[in-house]
Amino acid sequence: IIVSGFFTEVTSNTSTASIFLPVLDSVATSSGIHPAFLILPCTLAVSLAFMLPIATPPNAIVFASGAIRVIDMIKTGIVMNLIGFLVIFIAANTWMPKIFDINEQTTAYFFNITYVVRSSVGNL
């Protein structure tokens, strides 16, 4: 969560997600955990681009007005990012498993289907 959140400060949210999500999917699958446990928090974290003018177009517009300096954006952005990381961490460990019905049974079912599909495709 933290790495993808800070990475999105210097790249676009879409490119950050397209880099991290396939990697996290592979890590989760090879670790035997449901991919949603890693993918959903990362998807939320890449939206935490508050610190730099280059992070998002709205940040650039506000900075271009001349009303604030980069150091002001960094100070405020760090606080907002830390709060965002905390909320995402809490949500990922409490609400997300209940909302998306992710538990050991659904994880076992997911991996069983993944195995069947991958082995079927491999035989073609």
Protein backbone atom coordinates (compact mmCIF):
# COMPACT_ATOMS: atom_id res chain seq x y z
CA ILE A 1 0.00 0.00 0.00
CA ILE A 2 2.69 2.45 1.01
CA VAL A 3 4.96 1.79 -1.98
CA SER A 4 2.16 2.18 -4.52
CA GLY A 5 0.86 5.25 -2.70
CA PHE A 6 4.18 7.04 -2.87
CA PHE A 7 4.93 5.77 -6.39
CA THR A 8 1.78 7.47 -7.64
CA GLU A 9 3.17 10.83 -6.55
CA VAL A 10 5.58 10.86 -9.49
CA THR A 11 3.60 8.88 -12.08
CA SER A 12 -0.02 8.78 -13.16
CA ASN A 13 -2.51 6.73 -11.18
CA THR A 14 -3.33 4.56 -14.18
CA SER A 15 0.28 3.69 -14.96
CA THR A 16 0.99 2.94 -11.30
CA ALA A 17 -1.98 0.59 -11.15
CA SER A 18 -1.01 -1.10 -14.42
CA ILE A 19 2.47 -1.76 -13.01
CA PHE A 20 1.54 -2.94 -9.52
CA LEU A 21 -1.70 -4.89 -10.01
CA PRO A 22 -0.34 -7.73 -12.21
CA VAL A 23 2.62 -8.14 -9.86
CA LEU A 24 0.36 -8.27 -6.80
CA ASP A 25 -1.92 -10.77 -8.55
CA SER A 26 1.03 -13.08 -9.17
CA VAL A 27 2.34 -12.65 -5.63
CA ALA A 28 -1.07 -13.42 -4.13
CA THR A 29 -1.66 -16.43 -6.35
CA SER A 30 1.76 -17.92 -5.61
CA SER A 31 1.32 -17.23 -1.88
CA GLY A 32 -2.05 -18.95 -1.75
CA ILE A 33 -4.09 -15.94 -0.69
CA HIS A 34 -7.03 -14.39 -2.50
CA PRO A 35 -5.75 -11.73 -4.95
CA ALA A 36 -8.35 -9.23 -3.74
CA PHE A 37 -6.53 -8.97 -0.40
CA LEU A 38 -3.64 -7.25 -2.20
CA ILE A 39 -5.25 -5.80 -5.31
CA LEU A 40 -8.10 -3.84 -3.70
CA PRO A 41 -5.94 -1.93 -1.18
CA CYS A 42 -3.40 -1.14 -3.90
CA THR A 43 -6.16 0.14 -6.17
CA LEU A 44 -7.26 2.54 -3.46
CA ALA A 45 -3.70 3.55 -2.58
CA VAL A 46 -2.84 4.66 -6.11
CA SER A 47 -5.49 7.35 -5.74
CA LEU A 48 -3.57 9.02 -2.91
CA ALA A 49 -1.68 11.56 -5.02
CA PHE A 50 -1.66 14.63 -2.80
CA MET A 51 1.97 15.70 -2.35
CA LEU A 52 3.39 16.99 -5.63
CA PRO A 53 2.09 19.17 -8.46
CA ILE A 54 2.97 16.48 -11.02
CA ALA A 55 0.90 13.82 -9.25
CA THR A 56 -2.46 14.74 -10.78
CA PRO A 57 -3.84 17.50 -13.02
CA PRO A 58 -5.86 19.07 -10.15
CA ASN A 59 -2.64 19.40 -8.13
CA ALA A 60 -0.96 21.10 -11.09
CA ILE A 61 -3.86 23.53 -11.49
CA VAL A 62 -3.78 24.51 -7.82
CA PHE A 63 -0.01 24.91 -7.89
CA ALA A 64 -0.15 26.98 -11.10
CA SER A 65 -2.41 29.50 -9.38
CA GLY A 66 0.61 30.57 -7.32
CA ALA A 67 -1.33 30.46 -4.06
CA ILE A 68 0.76 27.65 -2.54
CA ARG A 69 4.34 26.42 -2.68
CA VAL A 70 5.56 22.88 -3.28
CA ILE A 71 6.71 22.56 0.34
CA ASP A 72 3.18 23.41 1.49
CA MET A 73 1.79 20.69 -0.76
CA ILE A 74 4.34 18.18 0.56
CA LYS A 75 3.59 18.93 4.23
CA THR A 76 -0.15 18.64 3.76
CA GLY A 77 0.16 15.70 1.37
CA ILE A 78 2.20 13.60 3.79
CA VAL A 79 -0.46 13.97 6.46
CA MET A 80 -3.24 13.16 3.98
CA ASN A 81 -1.32 10.14 2.66
CA LEU A 82 -0.71 8.78 6.16
CA ILE A 83 -4.40 9.14 7.02
CA GLY A 84 -5.30 7.48 3.71
CA PHE A 85 -2.89 4.58 4.33
CA LEU A 86 -4.36 4.05 7.79
CA VAL A 87 -7.95 4.04 6.51
CA ILE A 88 -7.06 1.65 3.67
CA PHE A 89 -5.21 -0.68 6.06
CA ILE A 90 -8.13 -0.76 8.48
CA ALA A 91 -10.66 -1.23 5.68
CA ALA A 92 -8.63 -4.01 4.06
CA ASN A 93 -8.46 -5.96 7.31
CA THR A 94 -11.99 -5.39 8.61
CA TRP A 95 -14.64 -4.33 6.07
CA MET A 96 -13.27 -5.70 2.82
CA PRO A 97 -13.42 -9.43 3.70
CA LYS A 98 -17.02 -9.05 4.82
CA ILE A 99 -18.20 -6.85 1.95
CA PHE A 100 -16.60 -8.95 -0.80
CA ASP A 101 -17.11 -12.27 1.01
CA ILE A 102 -13.44 -13.15 0.91
CA ASN A 103 -12.64 -15.94 3.35
CA GLU A 104 -10.83 -19.25 3.32
CA GLN A 105 -13.67 -21.07 1.55
CA THR A 106 -13.94 -18.57 -1.30
CA THR A 107 -10.16 -18.50 -1.58
CA ALA A 108 -10.04 -22.29 -1.92
CA TYR A 109 -12.83 -22.15 -4.50
CA PHE A 110 -11.00 -19.40 -6.41
CA PHE A 111 -7.78 -21.39 -6.56
CA ASN A 112 -9.62 -24.55 -7.58
CA ILE A 113 -11.24 -22.76 -10.53
CA THR A 114 -7.96 -21.06 -11.42
CA TYR A 115 -6.20 -24.42 -11.44
CA VAL A 116 -8.89 -26.05 -13.60
CA VAL A 117 -8.89 -23.19 -16.11
CA ARG A 118 -5.10 -23.00 -16.31
CA SER A 119 -4.72 -26.75 -16.71
CA SER A 120 -7.46 -26.83 -19.37
CA VAL A 121 -5.84 -24.01 -21.33
CA GLY A 122 -2.45 -25.66 -20.97
CA ASN A 123 -3.75 -28.82 -22.65
CA LEU A 124 -4.88 -27.00 -25.79
